[in-house]
Amino acid sequence: MTLIERMARFAAADLYVVITEAFCAERTSVEILTAVLDAGVRLVQLREKDMADKDLFWRAIRFRELTSEKNALFIMNDRLDIALAAKADGVHLGQDDLPVERAKDLAPELIVGCSTHSDDEAVSAQEAGADYVNIGPIFSTKTKARPGGAIGPESISAVAPHLAIPWTVMGGIKLANIDRVLERGAKRVAVVTAATAADDVRAACAALREKIMNGR
C-alpha cells in the first residue's frame, strides 16, 4: 500500500485506539484488538514500552495479521524497526524518539505521526514532514506521564489553525468529555483506557465512534 492510500484511510478514520496490555484490565492486547476491530475501529496503535524486542516483534506480527483481515491501519509506537519488520502501516514517534525527518527518509511510504504538546512542537513536526500530529494530553491521564500535565481542550483551538496536515487528539478522553474536543473540531480521537479497560470493549468503541461521527 502506498502512503497516499494509507493517508486516505487515515483521513476516513474516526476512533484511534492505542493498545497497551497493562491497560487492558487483565486481558491480552490481542483479545482487546479483536474486540476493537469488531466494533468497526479501523485505526489502531500498538504501544508497549517495556516489552522485549523479540516479543514485541511477534505481537506486532499478530496485530498486522488481524488488522489486515479487517482492512484497518496498524501504527507501531516508537519503533520504526519493528514497524518495518512487521509491515505496519506507520510509526508514531514521541519528542525524544527518532527524528521525523529520518523516519521519513527510511520509510517514505509509511505514515509517520508525532506526539506534540504545544503549537511550536506541532508546527515543527509538520515542517519536518510528519504525516499527522497528535495534540495532547488534553486531559489528565495516567497512561502517559508528562511534565506540565494536561494542556486542556482549549489548546486545540490554538494549535489546529496552524496545521495543514491531519491531526488527532489524545489524553484522558472519555465518553463523558469527548464533546469538549469534538466541539473544537476534532475528527479523529485517540483513546487508551476508554476503550481498552472497558468491561464491554465493543460497546465502548461503538459509543465513542457514534459521538465522533455525529460531531462531524
C-alpha atoms as a PDB file:
ATOM      1  CA  MET A   1       0.000   0.000   0.000  1.00  0.00           C
ATOM      2  CA  THR A   2       1.300   3.472  -0.826  1.00  0.00           C
ATOM      3  CA  LEU A   3       1.456   6.416   1.548  1.00  0.00           C
ATOM      4  CA  ILE A   4      -1.334   8.114  -0.397  1.00  0.00           C
ATOM      5  CA  GLU A   5      -3.570   5.074   0.057  1.00  0.00           C
ATOM      6  CA  ARG A   6      -2.716   4.837   3.726  1.00  0.00           C
ATOM      7  CA  MET A   7      -3.418   8.516   4.339  1.00  0.00           C
ATOM      8  CA  ALA A   8      -6.762   8.237   2.574  1.00  0.00           C
ATOM      9  CA  ARG A   9      -7.721   5.560   5.095  1.00  0.00           C
ATOM     10  CA  PHE A  10      -6.335   7.670   7.909  1.00  0.00           C
ATOM     11  CA  ALA A  11      -8.446  10.634   6.841  1.00  0.00           C
ATOM     12  CA  ALA A  12     -11.562   8.459   6.921  1.00  0.00           C
ATOM     13  CA  ALA A  13     -10.858   7.118  10.426  1.00  0.00           C
ATOM     14  CA  ASP A  14     -12.753   8.313  13.491  1.00  0.00           C
ATOM     15  CA  LEU A  15     -11.660   6.494  16.660  1.00  0.00           C
ATOM     16  CA  TYR A  16      -7.946   5.742  17.094  1.00  0.00           C
ATOM     17  CA  VAL A  17      -7.379   3.087  19.748  1.00  0.00           C
ATOM     18  CA  VAL A  18      -3.941   2.803  21.343  1.00  0.00           C
ATOM     19  CA  ILE A  19      -3.414  -0.599  22.935  1.00  0.00           C
ATOM     20  CA  THR A  20      -1.069  -1.345  25.833  1.00  0.00           C
ATOM     21  CA  GLU A  21      -1.592  -4.647  27.609  1.00  0.00           C
ATOM     22  CA  ALA A  22      -1.072  -3.110  31.050  1.00  0.00           C
ATOM     23  CA  PHE A  23      -4.235  -1.078  30.456  1.00  0.00           C
ATOM     24  CA  CYS A  24      -6.362  -3.956  29.171  1.00  0.00           C
ATOM     25  CA  ALA A  25      -7.946  -4.918  32.507  1.00  0.00           C
ATOM     26  CA  GLU A  26      -6.156  -8.278  32.753  1.00  0.00           C
ATOM     27  CA  ARG A  27      -6.965  -9.275  29.191  1.00  0.00           C
ATOM     28  CA  THR A  28      -4.416  -9.723  26.420  1.00  0.00           C
ATOM     29  CA  SER A  29      -3.794  -6.975  23.915  1.00  0.00           C
ATOM     30  CA  VAL A  30      -4.787  -9.383  21.147  1.00  0.00           C
ATOM     31  CA  GLU A  31      -8.166 -10.002  22.798  1.00  0.00           C
ATOM     32  CA  ILE A  32      -8.719  -6.254  23.042  1.00  0.00           C
ATOM     33  CA  LEU A  33      -7.609  -5.693  19.460  1.00  0.00           C
ATOM     34  CA  THR A  34     -10.110  -8.280  18.233  1.00  0.00           C
ATOM     35  CA  ALA A  35     -12.948  -6.562  20.091  1.00  0.00           C
ATOM     36  CA  VAL A  36     -11.852  -3.117  18.895  1.00  0.00           C
ATOM     37  CA  LEU A  37     -11.805  -4.251  15.272  1.00  0.00           C
ATOM     38  CA  ASP A  38     -15.172  -5.961  15.673  1.00  0.00           C
ATOM     39  CA  ALA A  39     -16.559  -2.580  16.764  1.00  0.00           C
ATOM     40  CA  GLY A  40     -15.565  -1.081  13.423  1.00  0.00           C
ATOM     41  CA  VAL A  41     -12.418   0.744  14.502  1.00  0.00           C
ATOM     42  CA  ARG A  42     -10.011   0.964  11.591  1.00  0.00           C
ATOM     43  CA  LEU A  43      -7.045   2.761  13.142  1.00  0.00           C
ATOM     44  CA  VAL A  44      -5.066   1.147  15.968  1.00  0.00           C
ATOM     45  CA  GLN A  45      -1.668   1.533  17.578  1.00  0.00           C
ATOM     46  CA  LEU A  46       0.434  -1.000  19.468  1.00  0.00           C
ATOM     47  CA  ARG A  47       2.214   0.754  22.345  1.00  0.00           C
ATOM     48  CA  GLU A  48       4.458  -1.380  24.555  1.00  0.00           C
ATOM     49  CA  LYS A  49       7.346   0.475  26.150  1.00  0.00           C
ATOM     50  CA  ASP A  50       8.775  -2.361  28.227  1.00  0.00           C
ATOM     51  CA  MET A  51       8.331  -5.494  26.107  1.00  0.00           C
ATOM     52  CA  ALA A  52      11.399  -7.392  24.922  1.00  0.00           C
ATOM     53  CA  ASP A  53      12.174  -6.814  21.254  1.00  0.00           C
ATOM     54  CA  LYS A  54      11.504 -10.393  20.169  1.00  0.00           C
ATOM     55  CA  ASP A  55       8.156 -10.488  21.986  1.00  0.00           C
ATOM     56  CA  LEU A  56       7.251  -7.074  20.611  1.00  0.00           C
ATOM     57  CA  PHE A  57       8.006  -8.229  17.082  1.00  0.00           C
ATOM     58  CA  TRP A  58       5.734 -11.266  17.352  1.00  0.00           C
ATOM     59  CA  ARG A  59       2.989  -9.197  18.945  1.00  0.00           C
ATOM     60  CA  ALA A  60       3.285  -6.726  16.077  1.00  0.00           C
ATOM     61  CA  ILE A  61       3.059  -9.582  13.583  1.00  0.00           C
ATOM     62  CA  ARG A  62      -0.193 -10.703  15.191  1.00  0.00           C
ATOM     63  CA  PHE A  63      -1.549  -7.153  15.153  1.00  0.00           C
ATOM     64  CA  ARG A  64      -0.645  -6.939  11.472  1.00  0.00           C
ATOM     65  CA  GLU A  65      -2.479 -10.166  10.702  1.00  0.00           C
ATOM     66  CA  LEU A  66      -5.660  -9.126  12.486  1.00  0.00           C
ATOM     67  CA  THR A  67      -5.718  -5.571  11.164  1.00  0.00           C
ATOM     68  CA  SER A  68      -5.124  -6.791   7.614  1.00  0.00           C
ATOM     69  CA  GLU A  69      -8.149  -9.061   7.884  1.00  0.00           C
ATOM     70  CA  LYS A  70     -10.295  -6.010   8.685  1.00  0.00           C
ATOM     71  CA  ASN A  71      -8.585  -3.558   6.315  1.00  0.00           C
ATOM     72  CA  ALA A  72      -7.530  -1.498   9.324  1.00  0.00           C
ATOM     73  CA  LEU A  73      -4.441   0.675   9.677  1.00  0.00           C
ATOM     74  CA  PHE A  74      -1.802  -0.565  12.098  1.00  0.00           C
ATOM     75  CA  ILE A  75       0.540   2.003  13.629  1.00  0.00           C
ATOM     76  CA  MET A  76       3.564   0.989  15.719  1.00  0.00           C
ATOM     77  CA  ASN A  77       4.535   3.192  18.633  1.00  0.00           C
ATOM     78  CA  ASP A  78       8.153   4.464  18.748  1.00  0.00           C
ATOM     79  CA  ARG A  79       9.807   1.572  16.936  1.00  0.00           C
ATOM     80  CA  LEU A  80      10.383   2.143  13.231  1.00  0.00           C
ATOM     81  CA  ASP A  81      12.429  -1.068  13.037  1.00  0.00           C
ATOM     82  CA  ILE A  82       9.534  -3.164  14.358  1.00  0.00           C
ATOM     83  CA  ALA A  83       7.083  -1.280  12.135  1.00  0.00           C
ATOM     84  CA  LEU A  84       9.129  -2.155   9.058  1.00  0.00           C
ATOM     85  CA  ALA A  85       9.768  -5.749  10.124  1.00  0.00           C
ATOM     86  CA  ALA A  86       6.072  -6.382  10.823  1.00  0.00           C
ATOM     87  CA  LYS A  87       4.916  -4.478   7.724  1.00  0.00           C
ATOM     88  CA  ALA A  88       2.912  -1.991   9.765  1.00  0.00           C
ATOM     89  CA  ASP A  89       1.251   0.983   8.086  1.00  0.00           C
ATOM     90  CA  GLY A  90       3.106   3.527  10.132  1.00  0.00           C
ATOM     91  CA  VAL A  91       5.009   4.578  13.209  1.00  0.00           C
ATOM     92  CA  HIS A  92       4.131   7.079  15.899  1.00  0.00           C
ATOM     93  CA  LEU A  93       7.064   8.995  17.368  1.00  0.00           C
ATOM     94  CA  GLY A  94       7.475  10.975  20.560  1.00  0.00           C
ATOM     95  CA  GLN A  95       9.548  14.097  21.057  1.00  0.00           C
ATOM     96  CA  ASP A  96      12.513  12.022  22.275  1.00  0.00           C
ATOM     97  CA  ASP A  97      12.330   9.318  19.606  1.00  0.00           C
ATOM     98  CA  LEU A  98      13.897   9.033  16.156  1.00  0.00           C
ATOM     99  CA  PRO A  99      13.553  12.398  14.367  1.00  0.00           C
ATOM    100  CA  VAL A 100      10.610  12.617  11.989  1.00  0.00           C
ATOM    101  CA  GLU A 101      12.875  13.590   9.084  1.00  0.00           C
ATOM    102  CA  ARG A 102      14.971  10.446   9.466  1.00  0.00           C
ATOM    103  CA  ALA A 103      11.923   8.215   9.779  1.00  0.00           C
ATOM    104  CA  LYS A 104      10.538   9.648   6.541  1.00  0.00           C
ATOM    105  CA  ASP A 105      13.885   9.080   4.823  1.00  0.00           C
ATOM    106  CA  LEU A 106      13.958   5.443   5.923  1.00  0.00           C
ATOM    107  CA  ALA A 107      10.289   4.663   5.335  1.00  0.00           C
ATOM    108  CA  PRO A 108       8.784   7.106   2.829  1.00  0.00           C
ATOM    109  CA  GLU A 109       5.658   5.002   2.244  1.00  0.00           C
ATOM    110  CA  LEU A 110       4.805   4.613   5.917  1.00  0.00           C
ATOM    111  CA  ILE A 111       2.647   7.025   7.875  1.00  0.00           C
ATOM    112  CA  VAL A 112       4.805   8.919  10.356  1.00  0.00           C
ATOM    113  CA  GLY A 113       2.947  10.535  13.241  1.00  0.00           C
ATOM    114  CA  CYS A 114       4.335  12.636  16.045  1.00  0.00           C
ATOM    115  CA  SER A 115       3.198  13.459  19.573  1.00  0.00           C
ATOM    116  CA  THR A 116       3.128  17.207  20.231  1.00  0.00           C
ATOM    117  CA  HIS A 117       2.286  19.214  23.315  1.00  0.00           C
ATOM    118  CA  SER A 118       2.339  22.786  22.030  1.00  0.00           C
ATOM    119  CA  ASP A 119       1.870  24.951  18.960  1.00  0.00           C
ATOM    120  CA  ASP A 120       5.643  25.097  18.390  1.00  0.00           C
ATOM    121  CA  GLU A 121       6.067  21.311  18.576  1.00  0.00           C
ATOM    122  CA  ALA A 122       3.145  20.691  16.230  1.00  0.00           C
ATOM    123  CA  VAL A 123       4.378  23.149  13.623  1.00  0.00           C
ATOM    124  CA  SER A 124       7.940  21.816  13.893  1.00  0.00           C
ATOM    125  CA  ALA A 125       6.713  18.252  13.335  1.00  0.00           C
ATOM    126  CA  GLN A 126       4.711  19.376  10.320  1.00  0.00           C
ATOM    127  CA  GLU A 127       7.727  21.170   8.868  1.00  0.00           C
ATOM    128  CA  ALA A 128       9.839  18.053   9.465  1.00  0.00           C
ATOM    129  CA  GLY A 129       7.495  16.027   7.256  1.00  0.00           C
ATOM    130  CA  ALA A 130       5.140  14.349   9.719  1.00  0.00           C
ATOM    131  CA  ASP A 131       2.035  12.929   8.066  1.00  0.00           C
ATOM    132  CA  TYR A 132      -0.051  13.708  11.137  1.00  0.00           C
ATOM    133  CA  VAL A 133       0.448  15.086  14.617  1.00  0.00           C
ATOM    134  CA  ASN A 134      -1.227  14.279  17.891  1.00  0.00           C
ATOM    135  CA  ILE A 135      -2.196  17.129  20.193  1.00  0.00           C
ATOM    136  CA  GLY A 136      -2.191  16.266  23.881  1.00  0.00           C
ATOM    137  CA  PRO A 137      -2.519  15.252  26.583  1.00  0.00           C
ATOM    138  CA  ILE A 138      -5.841  17.085  26.532  1.00  0.00           C
ATOM    139  CA  PHE A 139      -6.993  15.912  29.963  1.00  0.00           C
ATOM    140  CA  SER A 140      -5.097  14.377  32.864  1.00  0.00           C
ATOM    141  CA  THR A 141      -4.157  10.762  32.208  1.00  0.00           C
ATOM    142  CA  LYS A 142      -2.233   8.001  33.947  1.00  0.00           C
ATOM    143  CA  THR A 143      -1.320   6.238  30.706  1.00  0.00           C
ATOM    144  CA  LYS A 144       1.379   8.743  29.759  1.00  0.00           C
ATOM    145  CA  ALA A 145       3.360  10.799  32.230  1.00  0.00           C
ATOM    146  CA  ARG A 146       4.349  14.264  31.064  1.00  0.00           C
ATOM    147  CA  PRO A 147       5.911  17.143  32.977  1.00  0.00           C
ATOM    148  CA  GLY A 148       3.483  20.036  32.930  1.00  0.00           C
ATOM    149  CA  GLY A 149       0.392  17.860  32.822  1.00  0.00           C
ATOM    150  CA  ALA A 150      -2.668  18.283  30.645  1.00  0.00           C
ATOM    151  CA  ILE A 151      -2.784  21.108  28.103  1.00  0.00           C
ATOM    152  CA  GLY A 152      -6.578  21.375  28.048  1.00  0.00           C
ATOM    153  CA  PRO A 153      -9.128  21.257  25.212  1.00  0.00           C
ATOM    154  CA  GLU A 154      -8.599  24.946  24.543  1.00  0.00           C
ATOM    155  CA  SER A 155      -5.142  24.041  23.178  1.00  0.00           C
ATOM    156  CA  ILE A 156      -6.851  22.505  20.157  1.00  0.00           C
ATOM    157  CA  SER A 157      -8.142  25.906  19.097  1.00  0.00           C
ATOM    158  CA  ALA A 158      -4.633  27.333  19.459  1.00  0.00           C
ATOM    159  CA  VAL A 159      -2.786  24.599  17.550  1.00  0.00           C
ATOM    160  CA  ALA A 160      -5.149  23.329  14.834  1.00  0.00           C
ATOM    161  CA  PRO A 161      -5.318  26.550  12.745  1.00  0.00           C
ATOM    162  CA  HIS A 162      -1.576  26.262  12.118  1.00  0.00           C
ATOM    163  CA  LEU A 163      -1.771  22.737  10.722  1.00  0.00           C
ATOM    164  CA  ALA A 164      -2.158  21.749   7.091  1.00  0.00           C
ATOM    165  CA  ILE A 165      -1.830  18.035   7.883  1.00  0.00           C
ATOM    166  CA  PRO A 166      -4.290  15.745   9.696  1.00  0.00           C
ATOM    167  CA  TRP A 167      -4.222  15.777  13.484  1.00  0.00           C
ATOM    168  CA  THR A 168      -5.533  13.702  16.346  1.00  0.00           C
ATOM    169  CA  VAL A 169      -6.183  14.462  20.000  1.00  0.00           C
ATOM    170  CA  MET A 170      -5.425  12.247  22.964  1.00  0.00           C
ATOM    171  CA  GLY A 171      -5.121  12.164  26.724  1.00  0.00           C
ATOM    172  CA  GLY A 172      -7.806  11.322  29.235  1.00  0.00           C
ATOM    173  CA  ILE A 173     -10.604  11.453  26.671  1.00  0.00           C
ATOM    174  CA  LYS A 174     -13.708   9.514  27.719  1.00  0.00           C
ATOM    175  CA  LEU A 175     -17.319   9.311  26.632  1.00  0.00           C
ATOM    176  CA  ALA A 176     -18.181  11.885  29.311  1.00  0.00           C
ATOM    177  CA  ASN A 177     -15.816  14.566  27.993  1.00  0.00           C
ATOM    178  CA  ILE A 178     -15.366  13.756  24.313  1.00  0.00           C
ATOM    179  CA  ASP A 179     -17.811  16.512  23.336  1.00  0.00           C
ATOM    180  CA  ARG A 180     -15.283  19.059  24.603  1.00  0.00           C
ATOM    181  CA  VAL A 181     -12.796  18.073  21.905  1.00  0.00           C
ATOM    182  CA  LEU A 182     -15.377  17.479  19.188  1.00  0.00           C
ATOM    183  CA  GLU A 183     -16.779  20.989  19.579  1.00  0.00           C
ATOM    184  CA  ARG A 184     -13.281  22.323  18.851  1.00  0.00           C
ATOM    185  CA  GLY A 185     -13.097  20.489  15.538  1.00  0.00           C
ATOM    186  CA  ALA A 186     -11.521  17.145  16.415  1.00  0.00           C
ATOM    187  CA  LYS A 187     -12.386  14.494  13.819  1.00  0.00           C
ATOM    188  CA  ARG A 188     -10.012  11.733  14.897  1.00  0.00           C
ATOM    189  CA  VAL A 189      -9.879  10.988  18.605  1.00  0.00           C
ATOM    190  CA  ALA A 190      -7.276   8.707  20.172  1.00  0.00           C
ATOM    191  CA  VAL A 191      -8.066   6.824  23.372  1.00  0.00           C
ATOM    192  CA  VAL A 192      -6.492   4.169  25.555  1.00  0.00           C
ATOM    193  CA  THR A 193      -8.440   3.093  28.626  1.00  0.00           C
ATOM    194  CA  ALA A 194     -11.782   4.479  27.444  1.00  0.00           C
ATOM    195  CA  ALA A 195     -11.703   1.510  25.073  1.00  0.00           C
ATOM    196  CA  THR A 196      -9.161  -1.000  26.342  1.00  0.00           C
ATOM    197  CA  ALA A 197     -10.196  -1.041  30.010  1.00  0.00           C
ATOM    198  CA  ALA A 198     -13.941  -1.049  29.344  1.00  0.00           C
ATOM    199  CA  ASP A 199     -15.975  -4.028  30.553  1.00  0.00           C
ATOM    200  CA  ASP A 200     -17.538  -4.218  27.089  1.00  0.00           C
ATOM    201  CA  VAL A 201     -14.893  -3.061  24.644  1.00  0.00           C
ATOM    202  CA  ARG A 202     -17.115  -3.322  21.580  1.00  0.00           C
ATOM    203  CA  ALA A 203     -19.885  -1.275  23.154  1.00  0.00           C
ATOM    204  CA  ALA A 204     -17.445   1.350  24.428  1.00  0.00           C
ATOM    205  CA  CYS A 205     -15.851   1.756  20.999  1.00  0.00           C
ATOM    206  CA  ALA A 206     -19.246   1.896  19.305  1.00  0.00           C
ATOM    207  CA  ALA A 207     -20.429   4.649  21.667  1.00  0.00           C
ATOM    208  CA  LEU A 208     -17.276   6.697  21.138  1.00  0.00           C
ATOM    209  CA  ARG A 209     -17.456   6.268  17.368  1.00  0.00           C
ATOM    210  CA  GLU A 210     -21.081   7.357  17.319  1.00  0.00           C
ATOM    211  CA  LYS A 211     -20.167  10.548  19.192  1.00  0.00           C
ATOM    212  CA  ILE A 212     -17.358  11.328  16.753  1.00  0.00           C
ATOM    213  CA  MET A 213     -19.416  10.653  13.641  1.00  0.00           C
ATOM    214  CA  ASN A 214     -22.299  12.748  14.948  1.00  0.00           C
ATOM    215  CA  GLY A 215     -19.875  15.555  15.679  1.00  0.00           C
ATOM    216  CA  ARG A 216     -18.524  15.748  12.156  1.00  0.00           C
END
